[in-house]
């Protein structure tokens, strides 16, 4: 899943950032992120440090799969609504 790809791409020094990466789907909402306070600085960089994106590339790679899942869920919802 997206979280596994992000964990594989994240730069590792101590492993804390990698351990805080999460991805979850709850209803119609998909969440992907990292709880480490400095995750944003690694992802987007600072004026002192070049960006080392790990979340965005993982999301981009999984986008076709996520799109398919959403389309299937919409089709199922439409089919259920037609039966009522």
N, C-alpha and C. Protein backbone atom coordinates (compact mmCIF):
# COMPACT_ATOMS: atom_id res chain seq x y z
N UNK A 1 0.84 -1.19 0.00
CA UNK A 1 0.00 0.00 0.00
C UNK A 1 0.89 1.25 0.00
N UNK A 2 0.26 2.40 0.03
CA UNK A 2 0.99 3.67 -0.05
C UNK A 2 1.98 3.81 1.10
N UNK A 3 1.56 3.44 2.30
CA UNK A 3 2.44 3.54 3.46
C UNK A 3 3.70 2.71 3.32
N UNK A 4 3.56 1.52 2.74
CA UNK A 4 4.73 0.66 2.55
C UNK A 4 5.71 1.28 1.56
N UNK A 5 5.18 1.86 0.49
CA UNK A 5 6.05 2.53 -0.49
C UNK A 5 6.76 3.72 0.15
N UNK A 6 6.02 4.50 0.92
CA UNK A 6 6.62 5.67 1.59
C UNK A 6 7.70 5.22 2.56
N UNK A 7 7.45 4.15 3.31
CA UNK A 7 8.47 3.64 4.24
C UNK A 7 9.72 3.18 3.50
N UNK A 8 9.54 2.65 2.31
CA UNK A 8 10.69 2.20 1.52
C UNK A 8 11.49 3.37 0.97
N UNK A 9 10.83 4.52 0.74
CA UNK A 9 11.48 5.67 0.12
C UNK A 9 12.06 6.68 1.12
N UNK A 10 11.59 6.65 2.35
CA UNK A 10 11.98 7.68 3.32
C UNK A 10 13.47 7.55 3.68
N UNK A 11 14.17 8.70 3.77
CA UNK A 11 15.56 8.64 4.23
C UNK A 11 15.60 8.24 5.71
N UNK A 12 16.53 7.38 6.06
CA UNK A 12 16.57 6.85 7.42
C UNK A 12 17.88 7.20 8.10
N UNK A 13 17.77 7.81 9.25
CA UNK A 13 18.92 8.03 10.12
C UNK A 13 18.73 7.20 11.38
N UNK A 14 17.63 7.45 12.09
CA UNK A 14 17.35 6.68 13.31
C UNK A 14 16.20 5.70 13.13
N UNK A 15 15.36 5.92 12.12
CA UNK A 15 14.21 5.07 11.87
C UNK A 15 12.92 5.61 12.46
N UNK A 16 13.00 6.70 13.23
CA UNK A 16 11.79 7.25 13.86
C UNK A 16 10.79 7.74 12.81
N UNK A 17 11.25 8.52 11.85
CA UNK A 17 10.36 9.05 10.83
C UNK A 17 9.65 7.90 10.11
N UNK A 18 10.39 6.89 9.73
CA UNK A 18 9.81 5.73 9.05
C UNK A 18 8.74 5.06 9.92
N UNK A 19 8.98 5.01 11.23
CA UNK A 19 8.02 4.35 12.12
C UNK A 19 6.74 5.14 12.32
N UNK A 20 6.73 6.42 11.95
CA UNK A 20 5.53 7.23 12.14
C UNK A 20 4.69 7.37 10.87
N UNK A 21 5.11 6.78 9.77
CA UNK A 21 4.35 6.85 8.52
C UNK A 21 3.10 5.98 8.65
N UNK A 22 1.98 6.53 8.20
CA UNK A 22 0.72 5.80 8.28
C UNK A 22 -0.09 6.00 7.00
N UNK A 23 -0.96 5.06 6.74
CA UNK A 23 -1.96 5.20 5.68
C UNK A 23 -3.18 4.43 6.15
N UNK A 24 -4.34 5.08 6.02
CA UNK A 24 -5.57 4.43 6.45
C UNK A 24 -6.74 4.92 5.60
N UNK A 25 -7.70 4.05 5.46
CA UNK A 25 -8.91 4.39 4.72
C UNK A 25 -10.07 4.22 5.69
N UNK A 26 -10.84 5.27 5.83
CA UNK A 26 -12.01 5.25 6.72
C UNK A 26 -13.18 5.82 5.93
N UNK A 27 -14.08 4.93 5.52
CA UNK A 27 -15.20 5.37 4.71
C UNK A 27 -14.71 5.87 3.36
N UNK A 28 -15.02 7.12 3.05
CA UNK A 28 -14.62 7.72 1.78
C UNK A 28 -13.35 8.55 1.90
N UNK A 29 -12.66 8.46 3.03
CA UNK A 29 -11.47 9.28 3.26
C UNK A 29 -10.23 8.41 3.34
N UNK A 30 -9.23 8.74 2.55
CA UNK A 30 -7.94 8.06 2.61
C UNK A 30 -6.93 9.04 3.20
N UNK A 31 -6.23 8.62 4.23
CA UNK A 31 -5.22 9.46 4.88
C UNK A 31 -3.85 8.83 4.71
N UNK A 32 -2.89 9.65 4.36
CA UNK A 32 -1.50 9.23 4.27
C UNK A 32 -0.67 10.33 4.90
N UNK A 33 0.27 9.96 5.74
CA UNK A 33 1.09 10.99 6.38
C UNK A 33 2.15 10.39 7.26
N UNK A 34 2.80 11.27 8.00
CA UNK A 34 3.81 10.86 8.97
C UNK A 34 3.63 11.75 10.20
N UNK A 35 3.67 11.15 11.37
CA UNK A 35 3.42 11.89 12.60
C UNK A 35 4.66 12.56 13.18
N UNK A 36 5.83 12.25 12.67
CA UNK A 36 7.04 12.89 13.18
C UNK A 36 6.94 14.40 12.93
N UNK A 37 7.31 15.18 13.92
CA UNK A 37 7.20 16.64 13.83
C UNK A 37 8.00 17.21 12.66
N UNK A 38 9.06 16.55 12.27
CA UNK A 38 9.94 17.07 11.22
C UNK A 38 9.68 16.46 9.85
N UNK A 39 8.62 15.67 9.71
CA UNK A 39 8.33 15.00 8.44
C UNK A 39 8.16 16.01 7.31
N UNK A 40 7.49 17.12 7.58
CA UNK A 40 7.26 18.14 6.56
C UNK A 40 8.58 18.71 6.03
N UNK A 41 9.55 18.89 6.91
CA UNK A 41 10.83 19.45 6.49
C UNK A 41 11.61 18.49 5.59
N UNK A 42 11.48 17.20 5.87
CA UNK A 42 12.14 16.20 5.01
C UNK A 42 11.43 16.16 3.66
N UNK A 43 10.10 16.15 3.68
CA UNK A 43 9.32 16.05 2.45
C UNK A 43 9.52 17.27 1.54
N UNK A 44 9.47 18.47 2.11
CA UNK A 44 9.52 19.70 1.31
C UNK A 44 10.83 20.45 1.36
N UNK A 45 11.71 20.11 2.31
CA UNK A 45 12.99 20.78 2.43
C UNK A 45 12.89 22.10 3.18
N UNK A 46 14.03 22.69 3.42
CA UNK A 46 14.11 24.00 4.05
C UNK A 46 15.15 24.80 3.28
N UNK A 47 15.42 25.99 3.72
CA UNK A 47 16.46 26.76 3.02
C UNK A 47 17.86 26.19 3.30
N UNK A 48 17.96 25.34 4.33
CA UNK A 48 19.25 24.74 4.68
C UNK A 48 19.37 23.28 4.23
N UNK A 49 18.24 22.70 3.82
CA UNK A 49 18.24 21.27 3.50
C UNK A 49 17.39 21.03 2.25
N UNK A 50 17.92 20.29 1.33
CA UNK A 50 17.18 19.95 0.12
C UNK A 50 16.03 18.98 0.45
N UNK A 51 14.92 19.12 -0.25
CA UNK A 51 13.77 18.23 -0.06
C UNK A 51 14.14 16.80 -0.43
N UNK A 52 13.60 15.87 0.34
CA UNK A 52 13.77 14.44 0.04
C UNK A 52 12.38 13.79 0.12
N UNK A 53 11.55 14.07 -0.89
CA UNK A 53 10.16 13.60 -0.86
C UNK A 53 10.05 12.08 -0.75
N UNK A 54 9.13 11.65 0.09
CA UNK A 54 8.87 10.22 0.24
C UNK A 54 7.37 9.94 0.22
N UNK A 55 6.54 10.86 0.68
CA UNK A 55 5.09 10.65 0.67
C UNK A 55 4.50 10.93 -0.71
N UNK A 56 4.80 12.07 -1.27
CA UNK A 56 4.21 12.45 -2.55
C UNK A 56 4.53 11.44 -3.66
N UNK A 57 5.78 11.00 -3.81
CA UNK A 57 6.05 9.99 -4.85
C UNK A 57 5.29 8.68 -4.61
N UNK A 58 5.14 8.28 -3.35
CA UNK A 58 4.39 7.06 -3.06
C UNK A 58 2.93 7.21 -3.44
N UNK A 59 2.35 8.38 -3.14
CA UNK A 59 0.96 8.63 -3.50
C UNK A 59 0.80 8.64 -5.01
N UNK A 60 1.71 9.30 -5.71
CA UNK A 60 1.65 9.36 -7.17
C UNK A 60 1.70 7.97 -7.79
N UNK A 61 2.52 7.10 -7.22
CA UNK A 61 2.65 5.75 -7.76
C UNK A 61 1.37 4.93 -7.55
N UNK A 62 0.69 5.16 -6.44
CA UNK A 62 -0.51 4.41 -6.11
C UNK A 62 -1.78 5.06 -6.63
N UNK A 63 -1.71 6.25 -7.22
CA UNK A 63 -2.89 6.96 -7.67
C UNK A 63 -3.78 6.16 -8.61
N UNK A 64 -3.25 5.45 -9.61
CA UNK A 64 -4.13 4.66 -10.48
C UNK A 64 -4.91 3.58 -9.70
N UNK A 65 -4.27 2.95 -8.74
CA UNK A 65 -4.94 1.93 -7.93
C UNK A 65 -6.01 2.57 -7.06
N UNK A 66 -5.68 3.70 -6.43
CA UNK A 66 -6.66 4.39 -5.60
C UNK A 66 -7.85 4.86 -6.43
N UNK A 67 -7.59 5.33 -7.63
CA UNK A 67 -8.66 5.77 -8.51
C UNK A 67 -9.59 4.60 -8.85
N UNK A 68 -9.02 3.46 -9.11
CA UNK A 68 -9.81 2.28 -9.42
C UNK A 68 -10.68 1.88 -8.23
N UNK A 69 -10.13 1.93 -7.03
CA UNK A 69 -10.88 1.58 -5.82
C UNK A 69 -12.06 2.53 -5.64
N UNK A 70 -11.82 3.81 -5.83
CA UNK A 70 -12.89 4.80 -5.69
C UNK A 70 -13.97 4.58 -6.75
N UNK A 71 -13.57 4.35 -7.98
CA UNK A 71 -14.55 4.11 -9.06
C UNK A 71 -15.40 2.88 -8.77
N UNK A 72 -14.78 1.81 -8.27
CA UNK A 72 -15.52 0.60 -7.93
C UNK A 72 -16.50 0.86 -6.79
N UNK A 73 -16.08 1.64 -5.80
CA UNK A 73 -16.96 1.97 -4.68
C UNK A 73 -18.15 2.80 -5.15
N UNK A 74 -17.91 3.73 -6.06
CA UNK A 74 -19.00 4.54 -6.61
C UNK A 74 -19.97 3.66 -7.39
N UNK A 75 -19.45 2.76 -8.21
CA UNK A 75 -20.30 1.85 -8.97
C UNK A 75 -21.16 0.98 -8.04
N UNK A 76 -20.55 0.50 -6.95
CA UNK A 76 -21.30 -0.31 -5.99
C UNK A 76 -22.39 0.51 -5.32
N UNK A 77 -22.08 1.74 -4.97
CA UNK A 77 -23.07 2.62 -4.34
C UNK A 77 -24.22 2.91 -5.30
N UNK A 78 -23.90 3.12 -6.57
CA UNK A 78 -24.96 3.36 -7.57
C UNK A 78 -25.83 2.12 -7.73
N UNK A 79 -25.22 0.95 -7.74
CA UNK A 79 -25.98 -0.29 -7.88
C UNK A 79 -26.90 -0.50 -6.68
N UNK A 80 -26.41 -0.22 -5.48
CA UNK A 80 -27.24 -0.34 -4.28
C UNK A 80 -28.40 0.65 -4.32
N UNK A 81 -28.13 1.86 -4.77
CA UNK A 81 -29.18 2.88 -4.84
C UNK A 81 -30.24 2.50 -5.86
N UNK A 82 -29.86 1.84 -6.93
CA UNK A 82 -30.81 1.42 -7.95
C UNK A 82 -31.74 0.33 -7.44
N UNK A 83 -31.26 -0.48 -6.51
CA UNK A 83 -32.07 -1.56 -5.96
C UNK A 83 -33.12 -1.06 -4.98
N UNK A 84 -32.95 0.11 -4.46
CA UNK A 84 -33.88 0.62 -3.44
C UNK A 84 -35.05 1.32 -4.02
